[in-house]
């Protein structure tokens, strides 16, 4: 029981410190969806190219796939 109280207290303290960031995330209309989509696409290409080629070819493939 004391462990759960300590965890809750730690969470509350962290939320107090990050209050401005949390409020901004909940109230702004901006999203990072486009960025996350690009990151996912690049990770997919990177997995497909693993062990096959050097960085230059990976870079070229990423730039051509956009």
PDB file of N, CA and C in Angstrom:
ATOM      1  N   UNK A   1       0.824  -1.186   0.000  1.00  0.00           N
ATOM      2  CA  UNK A   1       0.000   0.000   0.000  1.00  0.00           C
ATOM      3  C   UNK A   1       0.872   1.254   0.000  1.00  0.00           C
ATOM      4  N   UNK A   2       1.966   1.240   0.768  1.00  0.00           N
ATOM      5  CA  UNK A   2       2.831   2.412   0.816  1.00  0.00           C
ATOM      6  C   UNK A   2       3.516   2.624  -0.524  1.00  0.00           C
ATOM      7  N   UNK A   3       3.815   1.524  -1.236  1.00  0.00           N
ATOM      8  CA  UNK A   3       4.448   1.636  -2.548  1.00  0.00           C
ATOM      9  C   UNK A   3       3.509   2.340  -3.524  1.00  0.00           C
ATOM     10  N   UNK A   4       2.230   2.002  -3.510  1.00  0.00           N
ATOM     11  CA  UNK A   4       1.250   2.635  -4.406  1.00  0.00           C
ATOM     12  C   UNK A   4       1.146   4.126  -4.103  1.00  0.00           C
ATOM     13  N   UNK A   5       1.191   4.493  -2.836  1.00  0.00           N
ATOM     14  CA  UNK A   5       1.125   5.905  -2.457  1.00  0.00           C
ATOM     15  C   UNK A   5       2.377   6.643  -2.932  1.00  0.00           C
ATOM     16  N   UNK A   6       3.520   5.997  -2.834  1.00  0.00           N
ATOM     17  CA  UNK A   6       4.759   6.628  -3.295  1.00  0.00           C
ATOM     18  C   UNK A   6       4.745   6.816  -4.808  1.00  0.00           C
ATOM     19  N   UNK A   7       4.231   5.827  -5.522  1.00  0.00           N
ATOM     20  CA  UNK A   7       4.139   5.927  -6.981  1.00  0.00           C
ATOM     21  C   UNK A   7       3.183   7.045  -7.370  1.00  0.00           C
ATOM     22  N   UNK A   8       2.052   7.134  -6.698  1.00  0.00           N
ATOM     23  CA  UNK A   8       1.078   8.193  -6.982  1.00  0.00           C
ATOM     24  C   UNK A   8       1.676   9.561  -6.686  1.00  0.00           C
ATOM     25  N   UNK A   9       2.431   9.678  -5.612  1.00  0.00           N
ATOM     26  CA  UNK A   9       3.060  10.946  -5.246  1.00  0.00           C
ATOM     27  C   UNK A   9       4.103  11.346  -6.293  1.00  0.00           C
ATOM     28  N   UNK A  10       4.888  10.376  -6.763  1.00  0.00           N
ATOM     29  CA  UNK A  10       5.891  10.646  -7.796  1.00  0.00           C
ATOM     30  C   UNK A  10       5.220  11.094  -9.089  1.00  0.00           C
ATOM     31  N   UNK A  11       4.128  10.437  -9.462  1.00  0.00           N
ATOM     32  CA  UNK A  11       3.382  10.814 -10.660  1.00  0.00           C
ATOM     33  C   UNK A  11       2.831  12.230 -10.521  1.00  0.00           C
ATOM     34  N   UNK A  12       2.252  12.537  -9.387  1.00  0.00           N
ATOM     35  CA  UNK A  12       1.689  13.870  -9.163  1.00  0.00           C
ATOM     36  C   UNK A  12       2.770  14.945  -9.224  1.00  0.00           C
ATOM     37  N   UNK A  13       3.920  14.677  -8.653  1.00  0.00           N
ATOM     38  CA  UNK A  13       5.020  15.649  -8.691  1.00  0.00           C
ATOM     39  C   UNK A  13       5.492  15.874 -10.123  1.00  0.00           C
ATOM     40  N   UNK A  14       5.599  14.801 -10.884  1.00  0.00           N
ATOM     41  CA  UNK A  14       6.011  14.928 -12.275  1.00  0.00           C
ATOM     42  C   UNK A  14       5.003  15.707 -13.096  1.00  0.00           C
ATOM     43  N   UNK A  15       3.718  15.476 -12.832  1.00  0.00           N
ATOM     44  CA  UNK A  15       2.678  16.210 -13.548  1.00  0.00           C
ATOM     45  C   UNK A  15       2.679  17.686 -13.158  1.00  0.00           C
ATOM     46  N   UNK A  16       2.978  17.977 -11.908  1.00  0.00           N
ATOM     47  CA  UNK A  16       3.087  19.382 -11.484  1.00  0.00           C
ATOM     48  C   UNK A  16       4.243  20.075 -12.198  1.00  0.00           C
ATOM     49  N   UNK A  17       5.375  19.390 -12.302  1.00  0.00           N
ATOM     50  CA  UNK A  17       6.531  19.987 -12.984  1.00  0.00           C
ATOM     51  C   UNK A  17       6.263  20.185 -14.467  1.00  0.00           C
ATOM     52  N   UNK A  18       5.526  19.267 -15.073  1.00  0.00           N
ATOM     53  CA  UNK A  18       5.268  19.352 -16.503  1.00  0.00           C
ATOM     54  C   UNK A  18       3.908  19.934 -16.839  1.00  0.00           C
ATOM     55  N   UNK A  19       3.322  20.683 -15.913  1.00  0.00           N
ATOM     56  CA  UNK A  19       1.976  21.218 -16.081  1.00  0.00           C
ATOM     57  C   UNK A  19       1.807  22.032 -17.353  1.00  0.00           C
ATOM     58  N   UNK A  20       2.765  22.891 -17.659  1.00  0.00           N
ATOM     59  CA  UNK A  20       2.670  23.750 -18.841  1.00  0.00           C
ATOM     60  C   UNK A  20       2.658  22.898 -20.116  1.00  0.00           C
ATOM     61  N   UNK A  21       3.533  21.911 -20.186  1.00  0.00           N
ATOM     62  CA  UNK A  21       3.604  21.047 -21.365  1.00  0.00           C
ATOM     63  C   UNK A  21       2.327  20.216 -21.505  1.00  0.00           C
ATOM     64  N   UNK A  22       1.809  19.715 -20.401  1.00  0.00           N
ATOM     65  CA  UNK A  22       0.581  18.917 -20.439  1.00  0.00           C
ATOM     66  C   UNK A  22      -0.587  19.777 -20.897  1.00  0.00           C
ATOM     67  N   UNK A  23      -0.676  20.985 -20.360  1.00  0.00           N
ATOM     68  CA  UNK A  23      -1.764  21.888 -20.752  1.00  0.00           C
ATOM     69  C   UNK A  23      -1.673  22.235 -22.238  1.00  0.00           C
ATOM     70  N   UNK A  24      -0.466  22.502 -22.732  1.00  0.00           N
ATOM     71  CA  UNK A  24      -0.285  22.823 -24.144  1.00  0.00           C
ATOM     72  C   UNK A  24      -0.669  21.648 -25.034  1.00  0.00           C
ATOM     73  N   UNK A  25      -0.323  20.444 -24.621  1.00  0.00           N
ATOM     74  CA  UNK A  25      -0.647  19.259 -25.415  1.00  0.00           C
ATOM     75  C   UNK A  25      -2.149  19.040 -25.501  1.00  0.00           C
ATOM     76  N   UNK A  26      -2.866  19.386 -24.451  1.00  0.00           N
ATOM     77  CA  UNK A  26      -4.308  19.152 -24.430  1.00  0.00           C
ATOM     78  C   UNK A  26      -5.114  20.277 -25.076  1.00  0.00           C
ATOM     79  N   UNK A  27      -4.527  21.467 -25.210  1.00  0.00           N
ATOM     80  CA  UNK A  27      -5.312  22.606 -25.695  1.00  0.00           C
ATOM     81  C   UNK A  27      -4.940  23.079 -27.097  1.00  0.00           C
ATOM     82  N   UNK A  28      -3.780  22.720 -27.618  1.00  0.00           N
ATOM     83  CA  UNK A  28      -3.415  23.189 -28.950  1.00  0.00           C
ATOM     84  C   UNK A  28      -4.023  22.296 -30.016  1.00  0.00           C
ATOM     85  N   UNK A  29      -4.130  22.849 -31.219  1.00  0.00           N
ATOM     86  CA  UNK A  29      -4.715  22.088 -32.317  1.00  0.00           C
ATOM     87  C   UNK A  29      -3.648  21.432 -33.185  1.00  0.00           C
ATOM     88  N   UNK A  30      -2.392  21.654 -32.872  1.00  0.00           N
ATOM     89  CA  UNK A  30      -1.301  21.081 -33.658  1.00  0.00           C
ATOM     90  C   UNK A  30      -1.135  19.611 -33.319  1.00  0.00           C
ATOM     91  N   UNK A  31      -0.769  18.823 -34.340  1.00  0.00           N
ATOM     92  CA  UNK A  31      -0.479  17.411 -34.113  1.00  0.00           C
ATOM     93  C   UNK A  31       0.864  17.077 -34.753  1.00  0.00           C
ATOM     94  N   UNK A  32       1.440  16.000 -34.332  1.00  0.00           N
ATOM     95  CA  UNK A  32       2.705  15.554 -34.902  1.00  0.00           C
ATOM     96  C   UNK A  32       2.473  14.349 -35.812  1.00  0.00           C
ATOM     97  N   UNK A  33       1.263  14.207 -36.322  1.00  0.00           N
ATOM     98  CA  UNK A  33       0.909  13.059 -37.141  1.00  0.00           C
ATOM     99  C   UNK A  33       1.763  12.913 -38.389  1.00  0.00           C
ATOM    100  N   UNK A  34       2.007  14.022 -39.084  1.00  0.00           N
ATOM    101  CA  UNK A  34       2.806  13.957 -40.317  1.00  0.00           C
ATOM    102  C   UNK A  34       4.242  13.542 -40.009  1.00  0.00           C
ATOM    103  N   UNK A  35       4.787  14.075 -38.946  1.00  0.00           N
ATOM    104  CA  UNK A  35       6.160  13.728 -38.561  1.00  0.00           C
ATOM    105  C   UNK A  35       6.232  12.259 -38.166  1.00  0.00           C
ATOM    106  N   UNK A  36       5.271  11.806 -37.379  1.00  0.00           N
ATOM    107  CA  UNK A  36       5.262  10.408 -36.953  1.00  0.00           C
ATOM    108  C   UNK A  36       5.121   9.472 -38.151  1.00  0.00           C
ATOM    109  N   UNK A  37       4.341   9.867 -39.142  1.00  0.00           N
ATOM    110  CA  UNK A  37       4.208   9.058 -40.343  1.00  0.00           C
ATOM    111  C   UNK A  37       5.522   8.925 -41.087  1.00  0.00           C
ATOM    112  N   UNK A  38       6.257  10.026 -41.184  1.00  0.00           N
ATOM    113  CA  UNK A  38       7.567   9.982 -41.841  1.00  0.00           C
ATOM    114  C   UNK A  38       8.555   9.126 -41.061  1.00  0.00           C
ATOM    115  N   UNK A  39       8.537   9.243 -39.757  1.00  0.00           N
ATOM    116  CA  UNK A  39       9.432   8.433 -38.924  1.00  0.00           C
ATOM    117  C   UNK A  39       9.127   6.954 -39.114  1.00  0.00           C
ATOM    118  N   UNK A  40       7.843   6.597 -39.153  1.00  0.00           N
ATOM    119  CA  UNK A  40       7.452   5.205 -39.362  1.00  0.00           C
ATOM    120  C   UNK A  40       7.930   4.706 -40.721  1.00  0.00           C
ATOM    121  N   UNK A  41       7.766   5.535 -41.754  1.00  0.00           N
ATOM    122  CA  UNK A  41       8.200   5.153 -43.103  1.00  0.00           C
ATOM    123  C   UNK A  41       9.707   4.936 -43.150  1.00  0.00           C
ATOM    124  N   UNK A  42      10.459   5.826 -42.527  1.00  0.00           N
ATOM    125  CA  UNK A  42      11.922   5.710 -42.526  1.00  0.00           C
ATOM    126  C   UNK A  42      12.362   4.462 -41.754  1.00  0.00           C
ATOM    127  N   UNK A  43      11.711   4.191 -40.631  1.00  0.00           N
ATOM    128  CA  UNK A  43      12.054   2.986 -39.863  1.00  0.00           C
ATOM    129  C   UNK A  43      11.773   1.725 -40.656  1.00  0.00           C
ATOM    130  N   UNK A  44      10.675   1.725 -41.412  1.00  0.00           N
ATOM    131  CA  UNK A  44      10.350   0.576 -42.249  1.00  0.00           C
ATOM    132  C   UNK A  44      11.433   0.360 -43.307  1.00  0.00           C
ATOM    133  N   UNK A  45      11.836   1.435 -43.977  1.00  0.00           N
ATOM    134  CA  UNK A  45      12.895   1.326 -44.982  1.00  0.00           C
ATOM    135  C   UNK A  45      14.202   0.855 -44.350  1.00  0.00           C
ATOM    136  N   UNK A  46      14.493   1.362 -43.177  1.00  0.00           N
ATOM    137  CA  UNK A  46      15.729   0.982 -42.487  1.00  0.00           C
ATOM    138  C   UNK A  46      15.727  -0.510 -42.151  1.00  0.00           C
ATOM    139  N   UNK A  47      14.572  -1.017 -41.690  1.00  0.00           N
ATOM    140  CA  UNK A  47      14.470  -2.457 -41.400  1.00  0.00           C
ATOM    141  C   UNK A  47      14.632  -3.285 -42.665  1.00  0.00           C
ATOM    142  N   UNK A  48      14.035  -2.822 -43.758  1.00  0.00           N
ATOM    143  CA  UNK A  48      14.142  -3.557 -45.010  1.00  0.00           C
ATOM    144  C   UNK A  48      15.574  -3.580 -45.537  1.00  0.00           C
ATOM    145  N   UNK A  49      16.332  -2.528 -45.281  1.00  0.00           N
ATOM    146  CA  UNK A  49      17.688  -2.404 -45.819  1.00  0.00           C
ATOM    147  C   UNK A  49      18.748  -2.971 -44.878  1.00  0.00           C
ATOM    148  N   UNK A  50      18.360  -3.443 -43.695  1.00  0.00           N
ATOM    149  CA  UNK A  50      19.333  -3.884 -42.710  1.00  0.00           C
ATOM    150  C   UNK A  50      20.254  -4.953 -43.287  1.00  0.00           C
ATOM    151  N   UNK A  51      21.560  -4.712 -43.230  1.00  0.00           N
ATOM    152  CA  UNK A  51      22.556  -5.671 -43.663  1.00  0.00           C
ATOM    153  C   UNK A  51      22.738  -5.760 -45.169  1.00  0.00           C
ATOM    154  N   UNK A  52      22.038  -4.955 -45.933  1.00  0.00           N
ATOM    155  CA  UNK A  52      22.098  -5.059 -47.385  1.00  0.00           C
ATOM    156  C   UNK A  52      22.985  -4.021 -48.040  1.00  0.00           C
ATOM    157  N   UNK A  53      23.021  -2.827 -47.481  1.00  0.00           N
ATOM    158  CA  UNK A  53      23.728  -1.765 -48.184  1.00  0.00           C
ATOM    159  C   UNK A  53      24.273  -0.758 -47.178  1.00  0.00           C
ATOM    160  N   UNK A  54      25.040   0.171 -47.691  1.00  0.00           N
ATOM    161  CA  UNK A  54      25.633   1.175 -46.816  1.00  0.00           C
ATOM    162  C   UNK A  54      24.674   2.358 -46.632  1.00  0.00           C
ATOM    163  N   UNK A  55      25.114   3.323 -45.866  1.00  0.00           N
ATOM    164  CA  UNK A  55      24.282   4.469 -45.525  1.00  0.00           C
ATOM    165  C   UNK A  55      23.894   5.282 -46.755  1.00  0.00           C
ATOM    166  N   UNK A  56      24.787   5.417 -47.718  1.00  0.00           N
ATOM    167  CA  UNK A  56      24.483   6.223 -48.907  1.00  0.00           C
ATOM    168  C   UNK A  56      23.278   5.677 -49.665  1.00  0.00           C
ATOM    169  N   UNK A  57      23.196   4.366 -49.819  1.00  0.00           N
ATOM    170  CA  UNK A  57      22.062   3.778 -50.510  1.00  0.00           C
ATOM    171  C   UNK A  57      20.778   3.933 -49.696  1.00  0.00           C
ATOM    172  N   UNK A  58      20.877   3.745 -48.390  1.00  0.00           N
ATOM    173  CA  UNK A  58      19.712   3.941 -47.523  1.00  0.00           C
ATOM    174  C   UNK A  58      19.215   5.383 -47.625  1.00  0.00           C
ATOM    175  N   UNK A  59      20.129   6.322 -47.574  1.00  0.00           N
ATOM    176  CA  UNK A  59      19.771   7.741 -47.682  1.00  0.00           C
ATOM    177  C   UNK A  59      19.078   8.023 -49.006  1.00  0.00           C
ATOM    178  N   UNK A  60      19.609   7.492 -50.089  1.00  0.00           N
ATOM    179  CA  UNK A  60      19.025   7.701 -51.418  1.00  0.00           C
ATOM    180  C   UNK A  60      17.618   7.104 -51.485  1.00  0.00           C
ATOM    181  N   UNK A  61      17.456   5.921 -50.910  1.00  0.00           N
ATOM    182  CA  UNK A  61      16.147   5.274 -50.937  1.00  0.00           C
ATOM    183  C   UNK A  61      15.118   6.050 -50.116  1.00  0.00           C
ATOM    184  N   UNK A  62      15.540   6.589 -48.973  1.00  0.00           N
ATOM    185  CA  UNK A  62      14.637   7.394 -48.157  1.00  0.00           C
ATOM    186  C   UNK A  62      14.216   8.658 -48.905  1.00  0.00           C
ATOM    187  N   UNK A  63      15.170   9.317 -49.545  1.00  0.00           N
ATOM    188  CA  UNK A  63      14.853  10.550 -50.264  1.00  0.00           C
ATOM    189  C   UNK A  63      13.963  10.282 -51.479  1.00  0.00           C
ATOM    190  N   UNK A  64      14.136   9.155 -52.147  1.00  0.00           N
ATOM    191  CA  UNK A  64      13.323   8.840 -53.310  1.00  0.00           C
ATOM    192  C   UNK A  64      11.921   8.360 -52.949  1.00  0.00           C
ATOM    193  N   UNK A  65      11.750   7.865 -51.733  1.00  0.00           N
ATOM    194  CA  UNK A  65      10.440   7.326 -51.356  1.00  0.00           C
ATOM    195  C   UNK A  65       9.480   8.388 -50.858  1.00  0.00           C
ATOM    196  N   UNK A  66       9.939   9.593 -50.672  1.00  0.00           N
ATOM    197  CA  UNK A  66       9.052  10.632 -50.117  1.00  0.00           C
ATOM    198  C   UNK A  66       8.185  11.277 -51.151  1.00  0.00           C
TER     199      UNK A  66
END
